[in-house]
Amino acid sequence: MTMNAYNPLESMKRLELAGIARPHAEAIAAEINAGTGDLVTKDYFKELLDASLAKQTIRNGVLTAGIVAVATSVLGILISLQ
């Protein structure tokens, strides 16, 4: 999926055609352009989210394995004491 790039010059021209004075049209177009600079695509966000979830899944697996190992060791020690 491609992301449509914002074109402030075209936006400014459309604002002028709608009757907005050029300085105001320039200011509006510049603000919109500044506000859209840090936007990301859905695909990019999904890739980052998927990578983050994969790391968290691995961490949870390692943590679970560690807890099971400790619990098994403690249980083994308690059984051997009886």
N, C-alpha and C. Protein backbone atom coordinates (compact mmCIF):
# COMPACT_ATOMS: atom_id res chain seq x y z
N MET A 1 0.85 -1.17 0.00
CA MET A 1 0.00 0.00 0.00
C MET A 1 0.89 1.24 0.00
N THR A 2 0.59 2.16 -0.86
CA THR A 2 1.39 3.37 -0.93
C THR A 2 0.75 4.48 -0.11
N MET A 3 1.58 5.33 0.42
CA MET A 3 1.09 6.45 1.22
C MET A 3 1.05 7.69 0.32
N ASN A 4 -0.07 8.39 0.34
CA ASN A 4 -0.18 9.62 -0.44
C ASN A 4 0.58 10.72 0.26
N ALA A 5 1.50 11.33 -0.46
CA ALA A 5 2.28 12.42 0.12
C ALA A 5 1.46 13.71 0.08
N TYR A 6 1.56 14.48 1.12
CA TYR A 6 0.86 15.76 1.18
C TYR A 6 1.65 16.77 0.37
N ASN A 7 0.96 17.48 -0.50
CA ASN A 7 1.59 18.49 -1.34
C ASN A 7 1.11 19.87 -0.88
N PRO A 8 1.91 20.59 -0.10
CA PRO A 8 1.45 21.88 0.43
C PRO A 8 1.20 22.92 -0.66
N LEU A 9 1.93 22.86 -1.77
CA LEU A 9 1.72 23.83 -2.85
C LEU A 9 0.34 23.64 -3.48
N GLU A 10 -0.02 22.40 -3.74
CA GLU A 10 -1.35 22.12 -4.31
C GLU A 10 -2.44 22.52 -3.32
N SER A 11 -2.21 22.22 -2.07
CA SER A 11 -3.19 22.59 -1.04
C SER A 11 -3.36 24.10 -0.97
N MET A 12 -2.26 24.82 -1.03
CA MET A 12 -2.31 26.28 -0.98
C MET A 12 -3.10 26.82 -2.19
N LYS A 13 -2.86 26.25 -3.37
CA LYS A 13 -3.59 26.69 -4.57
C LYS A 13 -5.08 26.44 -4.42
N ARG A 14 -5.46 25.29 -3.88
CA ARG A 14 -6.89 25.00 -3.70
C ARG A 14 -7.51 25.95 -2.68
N LEU A 15 -6.77 26.27 -1.63
CA LEU A 15 -7.28 27.21 -0.63
C LEU A 15 -7.48 28.60 -1.25
N GLU A 16 -6.53 29.00 -2.08
CA GLU A 16 -6.65 30.31 -2.76
C GLU A 16 -7.86 30.32 -3.69
N LEU A 17 -8.06 29.23 -4.42
CA LEU A 17 -9.22 29.15 -5.32
C LEU A 17 -10.53 29.19 -4.54
N ALA A 18 -10.49 28.74 -3.30
CA ALA A 18 -11.69 28.77 -2.47
C ALA A 18 -11.93 30.14 -1.85
N GLY A 19 -11.01 31.08 -2.08
CA GLY A 19 -11.22 32.44 -1.62
C GLY A 19 -10.41 32.84 -0.41
N ILE A 20 -9.49 32.00 0.02
CA ILE A 20 -8.64 32.35 1.16
C ILE A 20 -7.44 33.14 0.66
N ALA A 21 -7.09 34.22 1.36
CA ALA A 21 -5.96 35.07 0.96
C ALA A 21 -4.67 34.24 0.96
N ARG A 22 -3.76 34.60 0.04
CA ARG A 22 -2.53 33.84 -0.13
C ARG A 22 -1.73 33.68 1.17
N PRO A 23 -1.50 34.74 1.96
CA PRO A 23 -0.74 34.53 3.20
C PRO A 23 -1.41 33.53 4.15
N HIS A 24 -2.74 33.57 4.22
CA HIS A 24 -3.44 32.62 5.07
C HIS A 24 -3.36 31.21 4.50
N ALA A 25 -3.50 31.10 3.19
CA ALA A 25 -3.41 29.79 2.55
C ALA A 25 -2.02 29.19 2.75
N GLU A 26 -0.98 30.02 2.65
CA GLU A 26 0.39 29.54 2.88
C GLU A 26 0.56 29.06 4.31
N ALA A 27 0.03 29.83 5.26
CA ALA A 27 0.16 29.47 6.67
C ALA A 27 -0.58 28.16 6.97
N ILE A 28 -1.78 28.01 6.43
CA ILE A 28 -2.54 26.78 6.64
C ILE A 28 -1.82 25.58 6.05
N ALA A 29 -1.35 25.72 4.82
CA ALA A 29 -0.64 24.62 4.15
C ALA A 29 0.64 24.26 4.90
N ALA A 30 1.35 25.28 5.39
CA ALA A 30 2.58 25.02 6.13
C ALA A 30 2.29 24.28 7.43
N GLU A 31 1.23 24.63 8.14
CA GLU A 31 0.88 23.96 9.39
C GLU A 31 0.47 22.51 9.15
N ILE A 32 -0.30 22.29 8.10
CA ILE A 32 -0.69 20.91 7.78
C ILE A 32 0.54 20.10 7.43
N ASN A 33 1.45 20.68 6.66
CA ASN A 33 2.68 19.99 6.28
C ASN A 33 3.52 19.66 7.51
N ALA A 34 3.62 20.59 8.44
CA ALA A 34 4.40 20.34 9.66
C ALA A 34 3.74 19.25 10.52
N GLY A 35 2.43 19.22 10.53
CA GLY A 35 1.72 18.25 11.36
C GLY A 35 1.71 16.85 10.80
N THR A 36 1.97 16.70 9.52
CA THR A 36 1.95 15.37 8.91
C THR A 36 3.34 14.78 8.73
N GLY A 37 4.35 15.45 9.19
CA GLY A 37 5.72 14.99 8.98
C GLY A 37 6.09 13.72 9.71
N ASP A 38 5.48 13.46 10.87
CA ASP A 38 5.85 12.30 11.68
C ASP A 38 4.86 11.15 11.56
N LEU A 39 3.98 11.19 10.58
CA LEU A 39 3.01 10.12 10.41
C LEU A 39 3.69 8.89 9.80
N VAL A 40 3.20 7.72 10.16
CA VAL A 40 3.73 6.47 9.62
C VAL A 40 2.60 5.71 8.93
N THR A 41 2.97 4.80 8.06
CA THR A 41 1.97 3.98 7.39
C THR A 41 1.52 2.86 8.31
N LYS A 42 0.36 2.31 8.01
CA LYS A 42 -0.15 1.17 8.78
C LYS A 42 0.80 -0.02 8.67
N ASP A 43 1.34 -0.24 7.48
CA ASP A 43 2.24 -1.37 7.28
C ASP A 43 3.50 -1.24 8.13
N TYR A 44 4.08 -0.04 8.18
CA TYR A 44 5.28 0.17 8.99
C TYR A 44 4.96 -0.03 10.47
N PHE A 45 3.83 0.51 10.92
CA PHE A 45 3.43 0.34 12.31
C PHE A 45 3.20 -1.13 12.64
N LYS A 46 2.56 -1.86 11.71
CA LYS A 46 2.30 -3.28 11.93
C LYS A 46 3.61 -4.06 12.03
N GLU A 47 4.58 -3.74 11.20
CA GLU A 47 5.88 -4.41 11.27
C GLU A 47 6.54 -4.19 12.63
N LEU A 48 6.52 -2.94 13.09
CA LEU A 48 7.12 -2.66 14.40
C LEU A 48 6.37 -3.36 15.52
N LEU A 49 5.06 -3.35 15.45
CA LEU A 49 4.25 -4.01 16.47
C LEU A 49 4.48 -5.52 16.47
N ASP A 50 4.52 -6.12 15.29
CA ASP A 50 4.76 -7.56 15.20
C ASP A 50 6.13 -7.93 15.77
N ALA A 51 7.15 -7.14 15.47
CA ALA A 51 8.49 -7.40 16.00
C ALA A 51 8.50 -7.28 17.51
N SER A 52 7.82 -6.26 18.02
CA SER A 52 7.76 -6.07 19.47
C SER A 52 7.02 -7.21 20.15
N LEU A 53 5.93 -7.66 19.55
CA LEU A 53 5.18 -8.77 20.13
C LEU A 53 5.99 -10.06 20.08
N ALA A 54 6.76 -10.27 19.04
CA ALA A 54 7.60 -11.46 18.95
C ALA A 54 8.64 -11.46 20.06
N LYS A 55 9.26 -10.31 20.30
CA LYS A 55 10.24 -10.21 21.39
C LYS A 55 9.59 -10.49 22.74
N GLN A 56 8.39 -9.94 22.94
CA GLN A 56 7.70 -10.13 24.21
C GLN A 56 7.31 -11.59 24.40
N THR A 57 6.92 -12.26 23.32
CA THR A 57 6.57 -13.67 23.40
C THR A 57 7.79 -14.50 23.82
N ILE A 58 8.94 -14.19 23.26
CA ILE A 58 10.17 -14.89 23.63
C ILE A 58 10.50 -14.63 25.10
N ARG A 59 10.40 -13.37 25.52
CA ARG A 59 10.67 -13.04 26.93
C ARG A 59 9.74 -13.80 27.86
N ASN A 60 8.46 -13.85 27.51
CA ASN A 60 7.50 -14.56 28.35
C ASN A 60 7.82 -16.05 28.40
N GLY A 61 8.24 -16.63 27.29
CA GLY A 61 8.62 -18.04 27.27
C GLY A 61 9.82 -18.33 28.15
N VAL A 62 10.83 -17.47 28.08
CA VAL A 62 12.02 -17.64 28.90
C VAL A 62 11.67 -17.49 30.38
N LEU A 63 10.87 -16.51 30.70
CA LEU A 63 10.45 -16.28 32.08
C LEU A 63 9.65 -17.47 32.61
N THR A 64 8.73 -17.98 31.81
CA THR A 64 7.94 -19.13 32.22
C THR A 64 8.83 -20.35 32.45
N ALA A 65 9.77 -20.59 31.55
CA ALA A 65 10.69 -21.72 31.71
C ALA A 65 11.51 -21.56 32.98
N GLY A 66 11.95 -20.35 33.28
CA GLY A 66 12.72 -20.12 34.50
C GLY A 66 11.89 -20.37 35.75
N ILE A 67 10.64 -19.90 35.73
CA ILE A 67 9.76 -20.11 36.89
C ILE A 67 9.49 -21.59 37.08
N VAL A 68 9.25 -22.32 36.01
CA VAL A 68 9.01 -23.76 36.11
C VAL A 68 10.25 -24.47 36.65
N ALA A 69 11.43 -24.06 36.19
CA ALA A 69 12.67 -24.69 36.67
C ALA A 69 12.87 -24.44 38.16
N VAL A 70 12.65 -23.23 38.61
CA VAL A 70 12.80 -22.91 40.03
C VAL A 70 11.76 -23.65 40.85
N ALA A 71 10.51 -23.66 40.39
CA ALA A 71 9.45 -24.34 41.11
C ALA A 71 9.73 -25.84 41.21
N THR A 72 10.23 -26.43 40.13
CA THR A 72 10.55 -27.86 40.13
C THR A 72 11.69 -28.14 41.10
N SER A 73 12.69 -27.28 41.12
CA SER A 73 13.81 -27.46 42.05
C SER A 73 13.35 -27.36 43.49
N VAL A 74 12.55 -26.37 43.79
CA VAL A 74 12.04 -26.19 45.16
C VAL A 74 11.19 -27.39 45.55
N LEU A 75 10.32 -27.83 44.65
CA LEU A 75 9.48 -28.99 44.93
C LEU A 75 10.32 -30.23 45.15
N GLY A 76 11.37 -30.40 44.36
CA GLY A 76 12.27 -31.55 44.53
C GLY A 76 12.97 -31.51 45.88
N ILE A 77 13.39 -30.33 46.28
CA ILE A 77 14.06 -30.20 47.59
C ILE A 77 13.07 -30.50 48.71
N LEU A 78 11.86 -29.99 48.62
CA LEU A 78 10.86 -30.24 49.66
C LEU A 78 10.49 -31.72 49.75
N ILE A 79 10.41 -32.40 48.62
CA ILE A 79 10.08 -33.83 48.62
C ILE A 79 11.23 -34.63 49.22
N SER A 80 12.48 -34.23 48.92
CA SER A 80 13.62 -35.00 49.45
C SER A 80 13.80 -34.80 50.95
N LEU A 81 13.25 -33.74 51.52
CA LEU A 81 13.37 -33.49 52.94
C LEU A 81 12.41 -34.35 53.76
N GLN A 82 11.41 -34.92 53.12
CA GLN A 82 10.42 -35.70 53.87
C GLN A 82 10.86 -37.09 54.09
